[in-house]
Amino acid sequence: MNPKRKSRLYLALFILVAVAGTTAALMVAMESNINMFYPPEEVVNGTAPSEHPIRAGGMVLEGSLQRDSQSLTVEFTITDYQGSNFVVSYTGILPDLFREGQGIIVQGELNQAGKFMAREVLAKHDENYMPPELMDLAADAKS
C-alpha cells in the first residue's frame, strides 16, 4: 500500500475512534444526569430508583400536611387517588401556591425506607396550569 494512502487510512481510523469514544463518554455523562418523572404508582411499586435523583408528582392528599414546630420541615402525602400514596419530607419554605388537594411535582431522592426526601417542591403557577403528567390524575379524581 502506498505510504501516503496508509497514513490517510490511519488518520481516518484515529478520527473515527476519537468520535466514537467522545460520543460514548457523553452518553455515559448524560445518563447520570437524567432526571426522570415518576407518578405515585411507580414510586410505590418500586419502579422508581431509590437513592437516585428523580422527579415525582401527584396530588397532595387532603389532611396529610404535617409541619414540624421546631424547624421548616414538612411532611405530606402525594397520591394518585387510585390507592398509590407515598410520604414526602421537605425542609424549606413551600411555594405560595402549595395547598392540599393540588397537583405538585417534587424533586429529590427516594430513601431505603420508601420516604421521598424532596430538595425542591414545584406547584402550579396559575388556576389553569397543570403539568401534563398530572392532567390524567386530576381528571380521574374529579370523576
Protein backbone atom coordinates (compact mmCIF):
# COMPACT_ATOMS: atom_id res chain seq x y z
CA MET A 1 0.00 0.00 0.00
CA ASN A 2 1.16 3.48 -0.84
CA PRO A 3 2.66 5.22 2.26
CA LYS A 4 0.57 8.34 1.68
CA ARG A 5 -2.63 6.29 1.42
CA LYS A 6 -1.62 4.30 4.51
CA SER A 7 -1.16 7.48 6.60
CA ARG A 8 -4.57 8.78 5.45
CA LEU A 9 -6.15 5.47 6.47
CA TYR A 10 -4.57 5.69 9.94
CA LEU A 11 -5.75 9.29 10.28
CA ALA A 12 -9.31 8.36 9.28
CA LEU A 13 -9.33 5.43 11.74
CA PHE A 14 -7.98 7.64 14.53
CA ILE A 15 -10.70 10.25 13.90
CA LEU A 16 -13.39 7.55 13.82
CA VAL A 17 -12.20 6.05 17.14
CA ALA A 18 -11.95 9.52 18.74
CA VAL A 19 -15.51 10.42 17.69
CA ALA A 20 -16.86 7.08 18.94
CA GLY A 21 -15.06 7.48 22.28
CA THR A 22 -16.30 11.04 22.73
CA THR A 23 -19.86 10.00 21.91
CA ALA A 24 -19.72 7.12 24.39
CA ALA A 25 -18.34 9.40 27.13
CA LEU A 26 -21.10 11.96 26.52
CA MET A 27 -23.80 9.30 26.67
CA VAL A 28 -22.49 7.98 30.00
CA ALA A 29 -22.29 11.51 31.43
CA MET A 30 -25.78 12.42 30.26
CA GLU A 31 -27.29 9.21 31.62
CA SER A 32 -26.18 10.04 35.15
CA ASN A 33 -27.80 13.49 34.89
CA ILE A 34 -31.18 12.38 33.56
CA ASN A 35 -33.95 13.24 35.99
CA MET A 36 -36.95 11.04 35.17
CA PHE A 37 -40.57 11.70 36.20
CA TYR A 38 -42.43 9.01 38.13
CA PRO A 39 -46.15 9.02 39.05
CA PRO A 40 -47.20 7.78 42.52
CA GLU A 41 -47.95 4.26 41.27
CA GLU A 42 -44.37 3.75 40.04
CA VAL A 43 -42.89 5.20 43.24
CA VAL A 44 -44.98 2.86 45.42
CA ASN A 45 -44.46 -0.33 43.38
CA GLY A 46 -40.66 0.09 43.30
CA THR A 47 -40.17 1.10 39.66
CA ALA A 48 -38.60 4.40 40.73
CA PRO A 49 -34.95 4.02 41.73
CA SER A 50 -34.02 4.67 45.34
CA GLU A 51 -31.17 6.98 46.30
CA HIS A 52 -31.06 8.47 42.81
CA PRO A 53 -32.34 11.96 41.90
CA ILE A 54 -35.83 11.75 40.36
CA ARG A 55 -38.97 13.82 39.91
CA ALA A 56 -42.28 12.53 41.20
CA GLY A 57 -45.67 14.11 41.08
CA GLY A 58 -49.27 13.74 42.03
CA MET A 59 -51.93 15.36 44.16
CA VAL A 60 -51.33 16.41 47.78
CA LEU A 61 -53.66 14.26 49.90
CA GLU A 62 -56.17 16.29 51.92
CA GLY A 63 -55.31 16.36 55.63
CA SER A 64 -51.82 14.90 55.18
CA LEU A 65 -49.74 18.07 55.69
CA GLN A 66 -47.75 17.98 58.94
CA ARG A 67 -45.41 20.81 59.95
CA ASP A 68 -42.60 20.49 62.48
CA SER A 69 -42.97 23.26 65.06
CA GLN A 70 -39.20 23.47 65.64
CA SER A 71 -38.00 23.71 62.03
CA LEU A 72 -39.06 24.27 58.43
CA THR A 73 -39.55 20.53 57.87
CA VAL A 74 -42.92 19.48 56.49
CA GLU A 75 -44.28 16.08 55.57
CA PHE A 76 -47.20 15.40 53.28
CA THR A 77 -48.57 12.55 51.23
CA ILE A 78 -48.76 12.50 47.44
CA THR A 79 -51.49 10.38 45.89
CA ASP A 80 -52.96 9.46 42.53
CA TYR A 81 -56.41 8.86 44.09
CA GLN A 82 -56.17 5.24 42.92
CA GLY A 83 -54.55 3.76 46.02
CA SER A 84 -50.94 4.72 45.44
CA ASN A 85 -49.67 7.07 48.16
CA PHE A 86 -46.17 7.98 49.34
CA VAL A 87 -44.84 10.32 52.01
CA VAL A 88 -42.68 13.32 51.11
CA SER A 89 -40.38 15.07 53.57
CA TYR A 90 -39.20 18.58 52.68
CA THR A 91 -37.15 21.11 54.62
CA GLY A 92 -37.63 24.63 53.40
CA ILE A 93 -40.28 27.16 52.51
CA LEU A 94 -43.11 25.74 50.43
CA PRO A 95 -44.27 27.64 47.33
CA ASP A 96 -47.01 30.22 47.94
CA LEU A 97 -49.44 28.25 45.80
CA PHE A 98 -48.90 24.96 47.65
CA ARG A 99 -52.19 23.58 49.01
CA GLU A 100 -53.70 20.24 49.89
CA GLY A 101 -55.66 18.73 47.01
CA GLN A 102 -53.40 20.41 44.45
CA GLY A 103 -51.11 18.86 41.85
CA ILE A 104 -47.40 19.24 42.54
CA ILE A 105 -44.05 17.90 41.41
CA VAL A 106 -41.22 17.16 43.85
CA GLN A 107 -37.56 16.69 43.02
CA GLY A 108 -35.32 14.64 45.26
CA GLU A 109 -34.48 11.06 46.22
CA LEU A 110 -36.43 8.10 47.50
CA ASN A 111 -34.68 6.65 50.57
CA GLN A 112 -34.46 2.95 51.52
CA ALA A 113 -37.45 3.29 53.88
CA GLY A 114 -39.68 4.43 50.99
CA LYS A 115 -39.89 8.08 52.06
CA PHE A 116 -39.27 10.70 49.39
CA MET A 117 -36.70 13.26 50.56
CA ALA A 118 -37.51 16.33 48.45
CA ARG A 119 -35.00 19.03 47.63
CA GLU A 120 -37.50 21.11 45.65
CA VAL A 121 -41.29 21.38 45.56
CA LEU A 122 -42.97 22.82 42.47
CA ALA A 123 -46.62 23.94 42.49
CA LYS A 124 -48.82 25.08 39.63
CA HIS A 125 -48.39 28.74 38.79
CA ASP A 126 -51.98 29.76 37.99
CA GLU A 127 -55.51 28.42 38.08
CA ASN A 128 -55.37 26.92 34.57
CA TYR A 129 -51.97 25.27 34.53
CA MET A 130 -51.35 21.64 35.40
CA PRO A 131 -48.28 19.60 34.45
CA PRO A 132 -49.14 17.26 31.57
CA GLU A 133 -48.14 14.24 33.66
CA LEU A 134 -50.79 15.14 36.25
CA MET A 135 -53.71 16.01 33.96
CA ASP A 136 -54.98 12.42 33.87
CA LEU A 137 -54.78 12.16 37.66
CA ALA A 138 -56.82 15.33 38.12
CA ALA A 139 -59.44 14.15 35.62
CA ASP A 140 -59.75 10.77 37.42
CA ALA A 141 -60.06 12.49 40.81
CA LYS A 142 -62.97 14.65 39.60
CA SER A 143 -64.91 11.71 38.19
